[in-house]
Protein backbone atom coordinates (compact mmCIF):
# COMPACT_ATOMS: atom_id res chain seq x y z
CA MET A 1 47.11 65.63 1.12
CA ARG A 2 46.56 63.28 3.75
CA THR A 3 44.44 61.19 1.60
CA ALA A 4 46.85 61.15 -1.18
CA LEU A 5 49.64 59.96 1.32
CA ARG A 6 47.24 57.16 2.45
CA CYS A 7 46.96 56.26 -1.11
CA LEU A 8 50.75 56.19 -1.90
CA VAL A 9 51.24 53.97 1.26
CA CYS A 10 48.18 51.76 0.23
CA SER A 11 50.23 51.32 -3.10
CA LEU A 12 53.17 50.68 -1.70
CA LEU A 13 52.21 47.91 0.62
CA LEU A 14 50.29 46.35 -2.22
CA LEU A 15 53.25 46.32 -4.34
CA CYS A 16 55.24 44.59 -1.25
CA THR A 17 52.67 42.35 -0.73
CA ALA A 18 52.92 41.32 -4.46
CA ALA A 19 56.51 40.91 -4.42
CA GLN A 20 56.40 38.82 -1.16
CA ALA A 21 53.75 36.58 -2.71
CA GLU A 22 55.99 35.52 -5.43
CA PRO A 23 59.07 33.66 -4.11
CA ALA A 24 62.65 33.64 -6.19
CA PHE A 25 65.05 31.19 -5.67
CA ALA A 26 69.02 31.12 -4.80
CA ASN A 27 69.44 29.60 -8.14
CA PRO A 28 71.32 27.09 -9.08
CA LEU A 29 69.85 25.17 -6.19
CA VAL A 30 71.61 22.47 -6.38
CA ALA A 31 75.16 21.76 -8.53
CA GLN A 32 76.33 19.17 -10.94
CA ARG A 33 72.36 17.24 -10.35
CA ALA A 34 70.56 16.73 -13.52
CA ASP A 35 66.82 15.38 -14.24
CA PRO A 36 65.65 16.60 -10.63
CA HIS A 37 62.58 15.40 -9.22
CA VAL A 38 60.87 17.28 -5.86
CA THR A 39 58.12 15.56 -3.77
CA LEU A 40 56.48 18.14 -1.26
CA HIS A 41 55.23 15.45 1.08
CA SER A 42 52.56 16.26 3.65
CA ASP A 43 55.17 16.14 6.48
CA GLY A 44 56.46 19.47 5.11
CA TYR A 45 59.65 18.59 3.44
CA TYR A 46 60.36 19.00 -0.04
CA TYR A 47 62.08 15.41 -0.85
CA TYR A 48 64.81 15.76 -3.85
CA THR A 49 66.31 13.30 -6.04
CA ALA A 50 68.18 13.74 -9.26
CA THR A 51 70.64 11.90 -11.65
CA VAL A 52 74.47 12.30 -10.27
CA PRO A 53 77.39 12.95 -12.47
CA GLU A 54 78.88 9.73 -11.91
CA TYR A 55 75.74 7.64 -12.90
CA ASP A 56 76.25 5.48 -10.23
CA ARG A 57 74.04 5.70 -7.03
CA ILE A 58 70.59 7.26 -6.14
CA GLU A 59 70.88 9.93 -3.66
CA LEU A 60 67.74 11.41 -1.49
CA ARG A 61 67.77 14.86 0.34
CA ARG A 62 65.38 16.67 1.96
CA ALA A 63 64.62 20.15 3.41
CA LYS A 64 61.79 22.68 4.19
CA SER A 65 62.63 24.95 1.20
CA LEU A 66 63.88 24.65 -2.14
CA ASP A 67 66.49 26.77 -1.15
CA ALA A 68 68.10 24.50 1.32
CA LEU A 69 68.47 21.37 -0.63
CA GLY A 70 71.93 22.39 -1.81
CA LYS A 71 72.89 22.08 1.58
CA ALA A 72 71.20 19.23 2.75
CA GLU A 73 72.70 15.97 3.70
CA ALA A 74 72.62 13.88 0.48
CA LYS A 75 72.05 10.19 1.65
CA VAL A 76 72.97 7.45 -0.68
CA VAL A 77 69.93 5.05 -0.94
CA TRP A 78 71.00 2.86 -3.47
CA ARG A 79 73.84 1.60 -5.58
CA LYS A 80 74.61 0.20 -8.99
CA HIS A 81 75.13 -3.51 -9.18
CA ALA A 82 78.89 -4.54 -9.90
CA SER A 83 77.59 -6.63 -12.79
CA GLY A 84 74.66 -7.69 -14.56
CA GLN A 85 71.31 -5.65 -14.52
CA MET A 86 70.98 -2.16 -12.98
CA GLY A 87 74.82 -1.81 -13.59
CA ALA A 88 75.57 1.56 -15.55
CA HIS A 89 73.69 4.25 -16.29
CA ILE A 90 71.75 5.24 -13.31
CA TRP A 91 69.43 8.11 -14.38
CA ALA A 92 66.45 10.26 -13.58
CA PRO A 93 65.35 8.73 -10.47
CA GLU A 94 61.82 10.12 -9.10
CA MET A 95 60.18 9.17 -5.73
CA HIS A 96 56.52 9.05 -5.53
CA ARG A 97 54.28 8.05 -2.63
CA ILE A 98 51.68 5.50 -3.59
CA ASP A 99 49.34 3.56 -1.22
CA GLY A 100 51.53 4.13 1.65
CA LYS A 101 54.62 3.26 0.20
CA TRP A 102 57.50 5.20 -1.41
CA TYR A 103 58.32 3.86 -5.16
CA MET A 104 61.73 5.27 -6.72
CA TYR A 105 61.70 5.09 -10.57
CA PHE A 106 64.83 5.08 -12.63
CA THR A 107 66.82 4.25 -15.22
CA ALA A 108 69.72 1.82 -15.56
CA ALA A 109 71.38 -0.60 -17.96
CA PRO A 110 73.62 -3.84 -17.62
CA ALA A 111 77.21 -3.32 -16.82
CA GLU A 112 78.10 -5.14 -19.90
CA ALA A 113 75.94 -3.28 -22.29
CA ILE A 114 75.68 0.09 -21.02
CA TRP A 115 73.23 1.44 -23.62
CA GLU A 116 70.58 -1.19 -22.95
CA ILE A 117 68.50 1.37 -20.87
CA ARG A 118 65.40 0.09 -19.29
CA MET A 119 63.40 1.35 -16.42
CA TYR A 120 63.51 -0.20 -12.91
CA VAL A 121 61.85 0.55 -9.42
CA LEU A 122 62.40 0.32 -6.01
CA GLU A 123 60.30 0.14 -2.92
CA ASN A 124 60.51 1.68 0.49
CA SER A 125 57.26 1.04 2.90
CA SER A 126 59.12 3.51 5.89
CA ALA A 127 57.03 6.42 6.34
CA ASN A 128 60.34 8.45 6.29
CA PRO A 129 62.07 7.48 2.91
CA LEU A 130 65.41 8.34 4.52
CA GLU A 131 65.10 5.29 6.52
CA GLY A 132 64.13 1.81 6.14
CA ALA A 133 64.88 -0.51 3.16
CA TRP A 134 64.80 0.19 -0.42
CA THR A 135 63.75 -3.21 -2.13
CA GLU A 136 64.48 -3.78 -5.61
CA ARG A 137 61.33 -4.42 -7.71
CA GLY A 138 62.54 -5.14 -10.79
CA GLN A 139 62.03 -3.79 -14.26
CA ILE A 140 58.64 -2.13 -15.56
CA LYS A 141 58.00 -4.29 -18.72
CA THR A 142 56.41 -2.56 -21.58
CA GLU A 143 54.67 -4.09 -24.68
CA TRP A 144 58.14 -4.78 -26.42
CA ASP A 145 61.43 -4.22 -25.18
CA SER A 146 63.55 -1.21 -26.19
CA PHE A 147 65.63 1.49 -25.11
CA SER A 148 63.15 2.99 -22.33
CA LEU A 149 63.59 5.45 -19.83
CA ASP A 150 62.30 8.41 -17.63
CA ALA A 151 59.36 6.88 -16.03
CA THR A 152 56.79 8.91 -14.27
CA THR A 153 53.53 8.38 -12.62
CA PHE A 154 50.15 10.38 -11.70
CA SER A 155 46.74 9.75 -10.37
CA HIS A 156 44.15 11.46 -12.32
CA ARG A 157 40.12 10.68 -11.62
CA GLY A 158 40.92 7.37 -9.84
CA GLN A 159 43.18 5.77 -12.18
CA ARG A 160 47.27 5.86 -12.08
CA TYR A 161 48.97 6.17 -15.46
CA LEU A 162 52.70 5.56 -16.39
CA VAL A 163 54.35 8.04 -18.76
CA TRP A 164 57.68 7.37 -19.79
CA THR A 165 60.38 7.34 -22.87
CA GLN A 166 60.94 4.87 -25.23
CA ARG A 167 62.50 4.00 -28.64
CA GLY A 168 59.26 2.83 -30.80
CA ALA A 169 58.96 -0.65 -32.05
CA PRO A 170 60.73 -1.90 -35.08
CA PRO A 171 60.64 -0.67 -37.72
CA ASP A 172 59.48 2.83 -36.22
CA ASP A 173 62.78 2.88 -33.80
CA LYS A 174 64.55 5.94 -35.12
CA SER A 175 63.56 8.14 -32.31
CA THR A 176 62.50 8.19 -28.72
CA ASN A 177 58.85 8.75 -28.02
CA ILE A 178 56.56 9.51 -25.07
CA TYR A 179 54.29 6.82 -24.18
CA ILE A 180 51.33 6.31 -21.62
CA ALA A 181 49.78 3.46 -20.33
CA ARG A 182 47.28 2.82 -16.96
CA MET A 183 48.94 1.47 -13.86
CA ASP A 184 47.79 -1.89 -12.46
CA THR A 185 50.23 -1.89 -9.57
CA PRO A 186 53.20 0.84 -8.74
CA THR A 187 55.44 -1.65 -10.68
CA SER A 188 53.55 -2.63 -13.54
CA ILE A 189 51.16 -1.65 -16.37
CA SER A 190 48.16 -2.96 -18.09
CA GLY A 191 46.75 -2.26 -21.52
CA LYS A 192 48.54 -1.30 -24.62
CA PRO A 193 50.74 1.36 -24.46
CA VAL A 194 49.56 4.67 -26.28
CA MET A 195 52.20 6.96 -28.14
CA LEU A 196 51.49 10.50 -26.98
CA SER A 197 54.38 12.38 -29.25
CA LYS A 198 56.76 11.95 -31.16
CA PRO A 199 59.48 14.15 -32.80
CA ASP A 200 57.53 16.26 -35.35
CA TYR A 201 59.00 19.81 -35.42
CA ALA A 202 62.70 20.66 -36.37
CA TRP A 203 63.57 21.80 -32.65
CA GLU A 204 62.61 18.22 -31.49
CA LYS A 205 65.22 16.71 -33.73
CA VAL A 206 68.51 18.83 -33.69
CA LYS A 207 71.04 16.20 -33.53
CA TYR A 208 68.61 13.77 -32.31
CA ASN A 209 65.04 13.00 -32.35
CA VAL A 210 63.98 12.92 -28.92
CA ASN A 211 61.43 13.33 -26.54
CA GLU A 212 61.95 12.32 -23.32
CA GLY A 213 61.49 13.19 -19.74
CA PRO A 214 57.92 13.69 -19.26
CA ALA A 215 56.20 15.50 -16.41
CA VAL A 216 52.54 16.18 -15.67
CA LEU A 217 50.84 18.78 -14.09
CA VAL A 218 46.85 19.07 -13.84
CA ARG A 219 45.58 22.31 -13.45
CA ASN A 220 42.64 24.66 -14.95
CA GLY A 221 40.58 21.87 -16.14
CA LYS A 222 43.59 20.73 -18.27
CA VAL A 223 46.38 17.97 -18.23
CA PHE A 224 49.82 19.56 -18.95
CA LEU A 225 52.46 17.28 -19.84
CA THR A 226 55.91 18.58 -20.60
CA PHE A 227 58.90 16.85 -22.22
CA SER A 228 62.28 17.50 -23.31
CA ALA A 229 63.61 17.53 -26.88
CA SER A 230 66.72 17.34 -28.97
CA ALA A 231 70.15 16.86 -27.78
CA THR A 232 71.37 17.62 -24.27
CA ASP A 233 73.51 20.43 -25.53
CA ALA A 234 72.00 24.24 -25.50
CA ASN A 235 69.32 22.66 -28.06
CA TYR A 236 67.80 20.97 -25.18
CA CYS A 237 64.13 22.37 -24.41
CA LEU A 238 60.86 21.58 -23.21
CA GLY A 239 57.62 20.98 -25.29
CA LEU A 240 54.42 21.04 -23.88
CA LEU A 241 51.35 18.50 -24.62
CA THR A 242 47.86 19.47 -23.29
CA ALA A 243 44.42 17.54 -23.04
CA ASP A 244 41.26 18.33 -21.34
CA ALA A 245 41.08 17.00 -17.61
CA ASP A 246 37.82 14.87 -18.83
CA ALA A 247 39.19 13.71 -21.75
CA ASN A 248 40.16 9.90 -22.53
CA LEU A 249 44.13 10.36 -22.06
CA LEU A 250 44.76 7.27 -23.67
CA ASP A 251 43.79 8.75 -26.90
CA PRO A 252 46.62 10.32 -28.70
CA ALA A 253 43.47 12.63 -30.30
CA SER A 254 42.99 14.19 -27.10
CA TRP A 255 46.44 15.38 -26.71
CA ARG A 256 47.45 18.93 -28.43
CA LYS A 257 51.28 19.57 -29.02
CA THR A 258 52.21 23.51 -28.84
CA ALA A 259 54.23 24.02 -32.01
CA GLU A 260 57.18 25.94 -30.62
CA PRO A 261 59.13 25.00 -27.31
CA VAL A 262 57.92 26.55 -24.20
CA PHE A 263 60.93 26.93 -22.24
CA ALA A 264 64.36 27.10 -24.06
CA THR A 265 67.94 28.45 -23.93
CA SER A 266 68.03 32.17 -22.75
CA GLU A 267 71.39 33.86 -23.98
CA ALA A 268 70.35 37.10 -22.18
CA ASN A 269 69.97 35.07 -18.94
CA GLY A 270 73.25 32.99 -19.36
CA GLN A 271 71.08 29.67 -19.28
CA TYR A 272 71.50 26.97 -21.57
CA GLY A 273 69.44 23.92 -22.53
CA PRO A 274 66.85 23.95 -20.06
CA GLY A 275 64.93 20.59 -19.28
CA HIS A 276 64.14 17.51 -17.83
CA ASN A 277 61.57 18.94 -15.28
CA ALA A 278 59.56 18.44 -12.13
CA PHE A 279 57.05 20.04 -11.02
CA THR A 280 56.12 21.13 -7.19
CA THR A 281 54.52 24.43 -5.12
CA THR A 282 55.00 26.50 -2.65
CA PRO A 283 54.66 25.01 0.93
CA ASP A 284 50.90 26.29 1.23
CA GLY A 285 50.61 24.59 -2.27
CA LYS A 286 49.45 28.31 -4.03
CA THR A 287 52.04 28.92 -6.40
CA ASP A 288 53.51 26.43 -8.90
CA ILE A 289 56.88 25.71 -9.27
CA LEU A 290 58.90 24.58 -12.13
CA VAL A 291 62.01 22.25 -11.24
CA TYR A 292 64.74 21.93 -14.01
CA HIS A 293 68.02 21.48 -14.86
CA ALA A 294 70.57 23.72 -17.09
CA ARG A 295 74.11 24.72 -17.95
CA ASN A 296 75.31 28.34 -17.59
CA TYR A 297 77.46 27.97 -20.75
CA ARG A 298 76.99 26.96 -24.26
CA ASP A 299 80.14 25.57 -25.28
CA ILE A 300 80.80 21.96 -24.31
CA LYS A 301 83.77 19.79 -24.82
CA GLY A 302 83.34 16.52 -26.11
CA ASP A 303 79.95 14.48 -25.27
CA PRO A 304 77.54 16.77 -23.44
CA LEU A 305 76.43 13.39 -21.00
CA ASN A 306 79.91 13.65 -19.70
CA ASP A 307 79.94 17.32 -18.94
CA THR A 308 79.00 17.42 -15.31
CA ASN A 309 77.64 20.98 -14.86
CA ARG A 310 73.98 20.66 -15.49
CA HIS A 311 72.70 22.45 -12.15
CA THR A 312 69.05 22.38 -10.73
CA ARG A 313 67.23 25.37 -10.92
CA ALA A 314 63.61 26.35 -9.96
CA GLN A 315 61.40 29.36 -10.76
CA VAL A 316 57.31 30.31 -10.63
CA ILE A 317 55.08 29.33 -13.23
CA HIS A 318 52.61 31.91 -14.20
CA TRP A 319 49.29 31.30 -15.71
CA ARG A 320 47.86 32.99 -18.99
CA ALA A 321 44.09 33.87 -18.77
CA ASP A 322 43.03 30.95 -20.93
CA GLY A 323 44.60 28.64 -18.05
CA SER A 324 47.94 27.45 -20.01
CA PRO A 325 51.34 27.93 -18.20
CA ASP A 326 54.10 30.68 -18.87
CA PHE A 327 57.05 29.40 -18.39
CA GLY A 328 58.97 32.41 -19.55
CA ALA A 329 63.00 32.19 -19.88
CA PRO A 330 64.65 30.66 -17.46
CA VAL A 331 65.95 33.10 -15.13
CA ALA A 332 69.22 34.24 -14.42
CA ASP A 333 71.44 32.52 -11.48
CA GLN A 334 71.21 34.45 -8.22
CA GLY A 335 73.08 32.55 -5.90
CA GLN A 336 76.11 30.10 -5.58
CA ALA A 337 75.97 26.60 -6.43
CA ALA A 338 75.99 24.32 -3.50
CA HIS A 339 77.82 21.01 -4.21
């Protein structure tokens, strides 16, 4: 009897430990913030930035937990210009720490030509990016000049890369594609850009032919690259490219695209159009976390870009036996959105 009781107690303790090991989040983390990006820095803070509904500024906030980001002070670190370059459509900021400085990659357009979207960079040499000055470092130039956005960067085996979205060079300019290139500085690329993905499947071509919003995660001997596809309504979803960690990442043949979306609308959980994600971890670095935006309703009046209710959310990534990520379905909201 005592042995059975001890076994029962041990089983309950193991269940409790397993439950505690996997965090759940008070989703949505931050209301009306799309295209989220999170950096867990060595100072123990999560630094967070995202697209604001007015498309007119870059905000930065920090907290010791993801759940606390919604209530953290949002500091405006940069505003759009009144005219000329960087005067409209301030989208998808991402902050990265490179060689002892902070860099903010973002999308902008001229005030007088708001669809001439291009990629830009800010730089800050302060240890704390909420302090000091953010200096404009100009446009990231690519091999051809066309609609380009959603720059992200990662370092792998001693080489830093830029991955971004761009409309193909004419005459192949009917879709937005994912490109990669080596970086020679934190603000410029070197060598010829390589296209890794273009819209191939029907789920990448709903209303628009779109691959955008790349994010990179290196795990289990693989380089995983997620991207968002289709229109920014309930059809928005995540696709996945995979390469071996020792492969030539500049060779398109090194990459394999999953034939189906890996993260998509869940009617059952009331989550629509999940996409434009970032990756982070728990503070101890042991658990991988997907940060993304989604709406909690399907029907949108007018242009989805004018609908402000893409909220930031987070959930744990699980891993399959073959080392590939299992994103599951976007989880149902657990908490109240914080503005």
